[in-house]
Amino acid sequence: MAEGAPYWMLWEELVAAGAHWSGLLRRGTTLRLTDVAGGANASVLFFNYDDRTERYNMPDTLKAQHTAFLTRGFVCYSDMGRVMCSLTDDTCGWHDTLCGVSSPRLVEEKYGIARYQERRNDWHQNGYESLLNELGKYGLGKRDLSASINFFSKVTVNGQGALEYHRGNSLPGSYVDLRFEMNVLMVMATSQHPLDPATVYQPREIRLTAWHSRPAPRNDPCRIKCPENERGFRNTEVWFR
């Protein structure tokens, strides 16, 4: 059991480095993502499990909360103005929302060719194809790929407008807790961040720990962070009446 996980934990799973995962997180469930070894990247997409035409919306999430990254106290909005999940705890401090995932060409150019036929489980995977593999299990595909959240990665914009990747943002054992405010299909790839300057293919594993929590109370820090969040939670609660 992960350190700090409550005794009413539902399940725990280790997602291998460079792998992909998906699952249903029900309303009132908290999922902890833990960077086991440090330096991990978890590229994530969210969909309303009950109506998969509704999904995470990066522009609305950022502009409603006047931010360019996510950390404790922020929420993730859908394209219907509802809150999909809340970041209730975070020891990392910065999660990238801008850069998307790695492509097959990028991985080949940076790390070389390593196909499954020759390397088996040590083959080089990429974020784009990894997410597509999981989306296909639910009848989704290329048109359903949108801007992802890259948990544990930090990217800033310098004075010239260029993106800068910050190495060492996530230490071993860093975690972020996501409390789900609706029934959400979460799709994840543990491939390296596309701006990771490492010249060696070295993705890191992610531990998932889920437990029963409860929907946000009236005085919840994520709810009262800004008027927009108050409205987003209200929109979500109407969905479940």
C-alpha atoms as a PDB file:
ATOM      1  CA  MET A   1       0.000   0.000   0.000  1.00  0.00           C
ATOM      2  CA  ALA A   2       1.255   3.481  -0.871  1.00  0.00           C
ATOM      3  CA  GLU A   3       2.458   5.594   2.047  1.00  0.00           C
ATOM      4  CA  GLY A   4      -0.298   7.952   3.160  1.00  0.00           C
ATOM      5  CA  ALA A   5      -3.108   6.020   1.451  1.00  0.00           C
ATOM      6  CA  PRO A   6      -6.222   5.691   3.650  1.00  0.00           C
ATOM      7  CA  TYR A   7      -7.318   2.342   5.004  1.00  0.00           C
ATOM      8  CA  TRP A   8     -10.429   2.435   2.784  1.00  0.00           C
ATOM      9  CA  MET A   9      -8.272   2.218  -0.330  1.00  0.00           C
ATOM     10  CA  LEU A  10     -10.049   0.635  -3.296  1.00  0.00           C
ATOM     11  CA  TRP A  11      -7.124  -0.540  -5.379  1.00  0.00           C
ATOM     12  CA  GLU A  12      -3.516   0.119  -6.304  1.00  0.00           C
ATOM     13  CA  GLU A  13      -1.663  -0.494  -9.561  1.00  0.00           C
ATOM     14  CA  LEU A  14       1.784   0.163 -11.015  1.00  0.00           C
ATOM     15  CA  VAL A  15       1.806   1.453 -14.601  1.00  0.00           C
ATOM     16  CA  ALA A  16       5.074   0.485 -16.250  1.00  0.00           C
ATOM     17  CA  ALA A  17       7.458   3.007 -17.776  1.00  0.00           C
ATOM     18  CA  GLY A  18       6.518   3.835 -21.352  1.00  0.00           C
ATOM     19  CA  ALA A  19       3.180   2.032 -21.057  1.00  0.00           C
ATOM     20  CA  HIS A  20      -0.459   3.120 -21.293  1.00  0.00           C
ATOM     21  CA  TRP A  21      -3.513   2.703 -19.062  1.00  0.00           C
ATOM     22  CA  SER A  22      -7.189   3.624 -18.888  1.00  0.00           C
ATOM     23  CA  GLY A  23     -10.037   3.204 -16.450  1.00  0.00           C
ATOM     24  CA  LEU A  24     -13.280   4.485 -14.964  1.00  0.00           C
ATOM     25  CA  LEU A  25     -13.018   6.788 -11.925  1.00  0.00           C
ATOM     26  CA  ARG A  26     -16.426   7.311 -10.366  1.00  0.00           C
ATOM     27  CA  ARG A  27     -17.731  10.487  -8.760  1.00  0.00           C
ATOM     28  CA  GLY A  28     -16.528  10.627  -5.172  1.00  0.00           C
ATOM     29  CA  THR A  29     -13.296   8.703  -5.853  1.00  0.00           C
ATOM     30  CA  THR A  30      -9.801  10.095  -5.354  1.00  0.00           C
ATOM     31  CA  LEU A  31      -6.895   8.820  -7.439  1.00  0.00           C
ATOM     32  CA  ARG A  32      -3.304   9.459  -6.393  1.00  0.00           C
ATOM     33  CA  LEU A  33      -0.646   9.498  -9.107  1.00  0.00           C
ATOM     34  CA  THR A  34       2.814   8.896  -7.645  1.00  0.00           C
ATOM     35  CA  ASP A  35       6.116   9.449  -9.435  1.00  0.00           C
ATOM     36  CA  VAL A  36       7.953   6.438  -8.032  1.00  0.00           C
ATOM     37  CA  ALA A  37      11.534   7.144  -9.108  1.00  0.00           C
ATOM     38  CA  GLY A  38      11.391  10.873  -9.946  1.00  0.00           C
ATOM     39  CA  GLY A  39      11.427  12.519 -13.364  1.00  0.00           C
ATOM     40  CA  ALA A  40       8.261  10.830 -14.594  1.00  0.00           C
ATOM     41  CA  ASN A  41       5.666  12.159 -17.021  1.00  0.00           C
ATOM     42  CA  ALA A  42       2.033  11.063 -17.124  1.00  0.00           C
ATOM     43  CA  SER A  43       0.117  12.343 -20.155  1.00  0.00           C
ATOM     44  CA  VAL A  44      -3.604  12.227 -19.339  1.00  0.00           C
ATOM     45  CA  LEU A  45      -6.938  12.783 -21.096  1.00  0.00           C
ATOM     46  CA  PHE A  46     -10.348  12.899 -19.376  1.00  0.00           C
ATOM     47  CA  PHE A  47     -13.783  12.035 -20.822  1.00  0.00           C
ATOM     48  CA  ASN A  48     -17.244  12.001 -19.280  1.00  0.00           C
ATOM     49  CA  TYR A  49     -17.740   8.247 -18.981  1.00  0.00           C
ATOM     50  CA  ASP A  50     -21.521   8.569 -19.387  1.00  0.00           C
ATOM     51  CA  ASP A  51     -21.306  10.806 -22.482  1.00  0.00           C
ATOM     52  CA  ARG A  52     -17.895  10.596 -24.144  1.00  0.00           C
ATOM     53  CA  THR A  53     -18.564  13.521 -26.449  1.00  0.00           C
ATOM     54  CA  GLU A  54     -17.824  15.617 -23.337  1.00  0.00           C
ATOM     55  CA  ARG A  55     -14.131  15.793 -22.473  1.00  0.00           C
ATOM     56  CA  TYR A  56     -11.385  17.809 -20.771  1.00  0.00           C
ATOM     57  CA  ASN A  57     -11.001  21.293 -22.222  1.00  0.00           C
ATOM     58  CA  MET A  58      -7.601  22.903 -21.790  1.00  0.00           C
ATOM     59  CA  PRO A  59      -8.505  26.497 -22.827  1.00  0.00           C
ATOM     60  CA  ASP A  60     -11.491  26.719 -20.482  1.00  0.00           C
ATOM     61  CA  THR A  61      -9.535  25.138 -17.619  1.00  0.00           C
ATOM     62  CA  LEU A  62      -6.763  27.719 -17.907  1.00  0.00           C
ATOM     63  CA  LYS A  63      -8.729  30.894 -18.625  1.00  0.00           C
ATOM     64  CA  ALA A  64     -11.376  30.234 -15.952  1.00  0.00           C
ATOM     65  CA  GLN A  65      -8.683  29.944 -13.269  1.00  0.00           C
ATOM     66  CA  HIS A  66      -6.230  32.510 -14.704  1.00  0.00           C
ATOM     67  CA  THR A  67      -3.319  30.078 -14.913  1.00  0.00           C
ATOM     68  CA  ALA A  68      -1.084  28.290 -17.413  1.00  0.00           C
ATOM     69  CA  PHE A  69      -0.360  25.223 -15.272  1.00  0.00           C
ATOM     70  CA  LEU A  70      -2.095  23.070 -12.671  1.00  0.00           C
ATOM     71  CA  THR A  71      -1.376  22.371  -9.010  1.00  0.00           C
ATOM     72  CA  ARG A  72      -3.252  21.974  -5.734  1.00  0.00           C
ATOM     73  CA  GLY A  73      -6.511  23.926  -5.571  1.00  0.00           C
ATOM     74  CA  PHE A  74      -7.206  23.930  -9.315  1.00  0.00           C
ATOM     75  CA  VAL A  75      -9.815  21.910 -11.191  1.00  0.00           C
ATOM     76  CA  CYS A  76     -10.115  20.419 -14.679  1.00  0.00           C
ATOM     77  CA  TYR A  77     -13.069  21.644 -16.759  1.00  0.00           C
ATOM     78  CA  SER A  78     -14.940  19.829 -19.491  1.00  0.00           C
ATOM     79  CA  ASP A  79     -16.049  21.486 -22.714  1.00  0.00           C
ATOM     80  CA  MET A  80     -19.543  21.690 -21.182  1.00  0.00           C
ATOM     81  CA  GLY A  81     -18.430  23.918 -18.303  1.00  0.00           C
ATOM     82  CA  ARG A  82     -18.502  21.133 -15.722  1.00  0.00           C
ATOM     83  CA  VAL A  83     -15.758  20.211 -13.257  1.00  0.00           C
ATOM     84  CA  MET A  84     -14.375  16.775 -14.075  1.00  0.00           C
ATOM     85  CA  CYS A  85     -11.863  16.499 -11.246  1.00  0.00           C
ATOM     86  CA  SER A  86     -10.098  18.594  -8.616  1.00  0.00           C
ATOM     87  CA  LEU A  87      -6.433  18.638  -7.578  1.00  0.00           C
ATOM     88  CA  THR A  88      -6.890  18.288  -3.828  1.00  0.00           C
ATOM     89  CA  ASP A  89      -3.245  17.648  -2.912  1.00  0.00           C
ATOM     90  CA  ASP A  90       0.058  18.001  -4.741  1.00  0.00           C
ATOM     91  CA  THR A  91       3.669  17.658  -3.623  1.00  0.00           C
ATOM     92  CA  CYS A  92       5.095  18.395  -7.079  1.00  0.00           C
ATOM     93  CA  GLY A  93       3.762  21.917  -7.568  1.00  0.00           C
ATOM     94  CA  TRP A  94       3.579  22.255 -11.351  1.00  0.00           C
ATOM     95  CA  HIS A  95       1.894  20.162 -14.048  1.00  0.00           C
ATOM     96  CA  ASP A  96       2.234  21.083 -17.719  1.00  0.00           C
ATOM     97  CA  THR A  97      -0.912  21.842 -19.717  1.00  0.00           C
ATOM     98  CA  LEU A  98       0.621  23.208 -22.933  1.00  0.00           C
ATOM     99  CA  CYS A  99       2.837  20.711 -24.714  1.00  0.00           C
ATOM    100  CA  GLY A 100       0.884  17.594 -25.668  1.00  0.00           C
ATOM    101  CA  VAL A 101       2.565  14.228 -26.201  1.00  0.00           C
ATOM    102  CA  SER A 102       5.489  12.713 -28.077  1.00  0.00           C
ATOM    103  CA  SER A 103       5.022  11.455 -31.643  1.00  0.00           C
ATOM    104  CA  PRO A 104       6.495   8.340 -33.320  1.00  0.00           C
ATOM    105  CA  ARG A 105       8.846  10.510 -35.390  1.00  0.00           C
ATOM    106  CA  LEU A 106      10.057  12.505 -32.385  1.00  0.00           C
ATOM    107  CA  VAL A 107      10.860   9.356 -30.385  1.00  0.00           C
ATOM    108  CA  GLU A 108      12.668   7.776 -33.335  1.00  0.00           C
ATOM    109  CA  GLU A 109      14.753  10.892 -33.971  1.00  0.00           C
ATOM    110  CA  LYS A 110      15.674  11.428 -30.300  1.00  0.00           C
ATOM    111  CA  TYR A 111      16.171   7.876 -29.101  1.00  0.00           C
ATOM    112  CA  GLY A 112      16.632   5.732 -32.195  1.00  0.00           C
ATOM    113  CA  ILE A 113      14.632   2.852 -33.621  1.00  0.00           C
ATOM    114  CA  ALA A 114      13.681   0.093 -31.195  1.00  0.00           C
ATOM    115  CA  ARG A 115      10.802  -1.972 -32.526  1.00  0.00           C
ATOM    116  CA  TYR A 116       8.784  -4.522 -30.597  1.00  0.00           C
ATOM    117  CA  GLN A 117       9.790  -7.267 -33.054  1.00  0.00           C
ATOM    118  CA  GLU A 118      13.419  -7.024 -31.909  1.00  0.00           C
ATOM    119  CA  ARG A 119      13.233  -5.440 -28.433  1.00  0.00           C
ATOM    120  CA  ARG A 120       9.969  -6.904 -27.095  1.00  0.00           C
ATOM    121  CA  ASN A 121       8.977  -5.071 -23.898  1.00  0.00           C
ATOM    122  CA  ASP A 122      11.987  -2.766 -24.199  1.00  0.00           C
ATOM    123  CA  TRP A 123      10.744  -1.212 -27.432  1.00  0.00           C
ATOM    124  CA  HIS A 124      10.399   2.566 -27.729  1.00  0.00           C
ATOM    125  CA  GLN A 125       6.822   3.750 -27.279  1.00  0.00           C
ATOM    126  CA  ASN A 126       5.418   7.246 -27.811  1.00  0.00           C
ATOM    127  CA  GLY A 127       2.586   9.183 -26.219  1.00  0.00           C
ATOM    128  CA  TYR A 128       0.502   9.635 -29.378  1.00  0.00           C
ATOM    129  CA  GLU A 129       0.173   5.950 -30.252  1.00  0.00           C
ATOM    130  CA  SER A 130      -0.115   4.963 -26.601  1.00  0.00           C
ATOM    131  CA  LEU A 131      -3.167   7.175 -26.086  1.00  0.00           C
ATOM    132  CA  LEU A 132      -4.712   5.949 -29.344  1.00  0.00           C
ATOM    133  CA  ASN A 133      -4.323   2.337 -28.187  1.00  0.00           C
ATOM    134  CA  GLU A 134      -6.343   3.082 -25.056  1.00  0.00           C
ATOM    135  CA  LEU A 135      -8.942   5.259 -26.798  1.00  0.00           C
ATOM    136  CA  GLY A 136      -9.691   2.440 -29.222  1.00  0.00           C
ATOM    137  CA  LYS A 137     -10.947   0.277 -26.352  1.00  0.00           C
ATOM    138  CA  TYR A 138     -13.879   2.682 -25.912  1.00  0.00           C
ATOM    139  CA  GLY A 139     -14.774   3.367 -29.536  1.00  0.00           C
ATOM    140  CA  LEU A 140     -12.720   6.577 -29.609  1.00  0.00           C
ATOM    141  CA  GLY A 141      -9.931   7.499 -32.015  1.00  0.00           C
ATOM    142  CA  LYS A 142      -7.767  10.188 -33.575  1.00  0.00           C
ATOM    143  CA  ARG A 143     -10.487  12.839 -33.623  1.00  0.00           C
ATOM    144  CA  ASP A 144     -10.819  12.435 -29.851  1.00  0.00           C
ATOM    145  CA  LEU A 145      -7.186  13.317 -29.149  1.00  0.00           C
ATOM    146  CA  SER A 146      -6.899  16.795 -27.662  1.00  0.00           C
ATOM    147  CA  ALA A 147      -4.533  18.748 -25.438  1.00  0.00           C
ATOM    148  CA  SER A 148      -3.410  16.506 -22.584  1.00  0.00           C
ATOM    149  CA  ILE A 149      -2.218  17.265 -19.075  1.00  0.00           C
ATOM    150  CA  ASN A 150       1.397  16.235 -18.501  1.00  0.00           C
ATOM    151  CA  PHE A 151       1.456  15.469 -14.799  1.00  0.00           C
ATOM    152  CA  PHE A 152       4.856  15.886 -13.058  1.00  0.00           C
ATOM    153  CA  SER A 153       6.359  17.937 -15.915  1.00  0.00           C
ATOM    154  CA  LYS A 154       7.117  21.668 -15.746  1.00  0.00           C
ATOM    155  CA  VAL A 155       7.313  23.895 -18.820  1.00  0.00           C
ATOM    156  CA  THR A 156       7.531  27.687 -18.785  1.00  0.00           C
ATOM    157  CA  VAL A 157       7.679  30.348 -21.498  1.00  0.00           C
ATOM    158  CA  ASN A 158      10.720  32.637 -21.580  1.00  0.00           C
ATOM    159  CA  GLY A 159      10.887  36.285 -22.593  1.00  0.00           C
ATOM    160  CA  GLN A 160      11.307  35.374 -26.265  1.00  0.00           C
ATOM    161  CA  GLY A 161       8.213  33.162 -26.251  1.00  0.00           C
ATOM    162  CA  ALA A 162      10.099  29.869 -26.332  1.00  0.00           C
ATOM    163  CA  LEU A 163       9.037  26.900 -24.216  1.00  0.00           C
ATOM    164  CA  GLU A 164      11.513  25.789 -21.539  1.00  0.00           C
ATOM    165  CA  TYR A 165      11.425  22.316 -19.967  1.00  0.00           C
ATOM    166  CA  HIS A 166      12.563  22.158 -16.333  1.00  0.00           C
ATOM    167  CA  ARG A 167      14.454  19.023 -15.359  1.00  0.00           C
ATOM    168  CA  GLY A 168      14.119  17.802 -11.790  1.00  0.00           C
ATOM    169  CA  ASN A 169      10.627  19.216 -11.267  1.00  0.00           C
ATOM    170  CA  SER A 170       9.328  15.959  -9.787  1.00  0.00           C
ATOM    171  CA  LEU A 171      11.286  14.133  -7.075  1.00  0.00           C
ATOM    172  CA  PRO A 172      11.002  10.443  -6.136  1.00  0.00           C
ATOM    173  CA  GLY A 173       7.718   9.923  -4.307  1.00  0.00           C
ATOM    174  CA  SER A 174       6.055  13.123  -5.558  1.00  0.00           C
ATOM    175  CA  TYR A 175       2.309  12.737  -5.927  1.00  0.00           C
ATOM    176  CA  VAL A 176      -0.857  14.514  -6.994  1.00  0.00           C
ATOM    177  CA  ASP A 177      -4.376  13.637  -5.798  1.00  0.00           C
ATOM    178  CA  LEU A 178      -7.308  13.904  -8.226  1.00  0.00           C
ATOM    179  CA  ARG A 179     -10.790  13.883  -6.727  1.00  0.00           C
ATOM    180  CA  PHE A 180     -13.344  13.028  -9.408  1.00  0.00           C
ATOM    181  CA  GLU A 181     -16.502  15.128  -9.466  1.00  0.00           C
ATOM    182  CA  MET A 182     -18.214  13.081 -12.190  1.00  0.00           C
ATOM    183  CA  ASN A 183     -17.812   9.595 -13.670  1.00  0.00           C
ATOM    184  CA  VAL A 184     -14.660   9.996 -15.740  1.00  0.00           C
ATOM    185  CA  LEU A 185     -12.845   7.854 -18.261  1.00  0.00           C
ATOM    186  CA  MET A 186      -9.158   8.565 -17.692  1.00  0.00           C
ATOM    187  CA  VAL A 187      -6.626   7.655 -20.392  1.00  0.00           C
ATOM    188  CA  MET A 188      -2.907   7.834 -19.601  1.00  0.00           C
ATOM    189  CA  ALA A 189       0.482   7.285 -21.224  1.00  0.00           C
ATOM    190  CA  THR A 190       3.745   7.193 -19.255  1.00  0.00           C
ATOM    191  CA  SER A 191       5.968   8.178 -22.191  1.00  0.00           C
ATOM    192  CA  GLN A 192       8.598  10.879 -21.787  1.00  0.00           C
ATOM    193  CA  HIS A 193       7.575  14.505 -22.200  1.00  0.00           C
ATOM    194  CA  PRO A 194       8.119  15.707 -25.796  1.00  0.00           C
ATOM    195  CA  LEU A 195      10.492  18.461 -24.585  1.00  0.00           C
ATOM    196  CA  ASP A 196      12.495  16.202 -22.267  1.00  0.00           C
ATOM    197  CA  PRO A 197      16.129  16.922 -23.273  1.00  0.00           C
ATOM    198  CA  ALA A 198      17.332  13.441 -22.305  1.00  0.00           C
ATOM    199  CA  THR A 199      19.134  11.713 -25.173  1.00  0.00           C
ATOM    200  CA  VAL A 200      18.376   8.265 -23.753  1.00  0.00           C
ATOM    201  CA  TYR A 201      14.964   6.590 -23.798  1.00  0.00           C
ATOM    202  CA  GLN A 202      14.131   6.416 -20.085  1.00  0.00           C
ATOM    203  CA  PRO A 203      10.420   6.810 -19.255  1.00  0.00           C
ATOM    204  CA  ARG A 204       9.421   6.255 -15.611  1.00  0.00           C
ATOM    205  CA  GLU A 205       6.674   4.247 -13.949  1.00  0.00           C
ATOM    206  CA  ILE A 206       3.631   5.721 -12.206  1.00  0.00           C
ATOM    207  CA  ARG A 207       1.820   4.225  -9.215  1.00  0.00           C
ATOM    208  CA  LEU A 208      -1.960   4.664  -9.069  1.00  0.00           C
ATOM    209  CA  THR A 209      -3.801   4.489  -5.737  1.00  0.00           C
ATOM    210  CA  ALA A 210      -7.585   4.924  -5.550  1.00  0.00           C
ATOM    211  CA  TRP A 211      -9.862   5.370  -2.549  1.00  0.00           C
ATOM    212  CA  HIS A 212     -13.369   6.456  -1.615  1.00  0.00           C
ATOM    213  CA  SER A 213     -13.613  10.161  -0.809  1.00  0.00           C
ATOM    214  CA  ARG A 214     -16.733  12.249  -1.383  1.00  0.00           C
ATOM    215  CA  PRO A 215     -17.909  15.089  -3.649  1.00  0.00           C
ATOM    216  CA  ALA A 216     -16.669  18.578  -2.821  1.00  0.00           C
ATOM    217  CA  PRO A 217     -18.289  20.199   0.239  1.00  0.00           C
ATOM    218  CA  ARG A 218     -19.532  23.799   0.129  1.00  0.00           C
ATOM    219  CA  ASN A 219     -16.334  25.212   1.654  1.00  0.00           C
ATOM    220  CA  ASP A 220     -13.978  23.113  -0.468  1.00  0.00           C
ATOM    221  CA  PRO A 221     -10.803  25.079  -1.421  1.00  0.00           C
ATOM    222  CA  CYS A 222     -11.133  24.075  -5.080  1.00  0.00           C
ATOM    223  CA  ARG A 223     -14.771  25.197  -5.186  1.00  0.00           C
ATOM    224  CA  ILE A 224     -14.218  28.598  -3.581  1.00  0.00           C
ATOM    225  CA  LYS A 225     -10.972  29.368  -5.403  1.00  0.00           C
ATOM    226  CA  CYS A 226     -12.805  31.653  -7.837  1.00  0.00           C
ATOM    227  CA  PRO A 227     -16.394  32.456  -8.929  1.00  0.00           C
ATOM    228  CA  GLU A 228     -15.913  30.429 -12.113  1.00  0.00           C
ATOM    229  CA  ASN A 229     -15.229  27.289 -10.079  1.00  0.00           C
ATOM    230  CA  GLU A 230     -18.376  27.853  -8.024  1.00  0.00           C
ATOM    231  CA  ARG A 231     -20.373  27.867 -11.257  1.00  0.00           C
ATOM    232  CA  GLY A 232     -18.503  24.842 -12.613  1.00  0.00           C
ATOM    233  CA  PHE A 233     -19.289  22.765  -9.519  1.00  0.00           C
ATOM    234  CA  ARG A 234     -22.926  23.859  -9.663  1.00  0.00           C
ATOM    235  CA  ASN A 235     -23.141  22.785 -13.317  1.00  0.00           C
ATOM    236  CA  THR A 236     -21.687  19.404 -12.375  1.00  0.00           C
ATOM    237  CA  GLU A 237     -24.090  18.880  -9.480  1.00  0.00           C
ATOM    238  CA  VAL A 238     -27.084  19.632 -11.720  1.00  0.00           C
ATOM    239  CA  TRP A 239     -25.921  16.797 -14.002  1.00  0.00           C
ATOM    240  CA  PHE A 240     -26.357  14.336 -11.121  1.00  0.00           C
ATOM    241  CA  ARG A 241     -29.765  15.478  -9.849  1.00  0.00           C
END
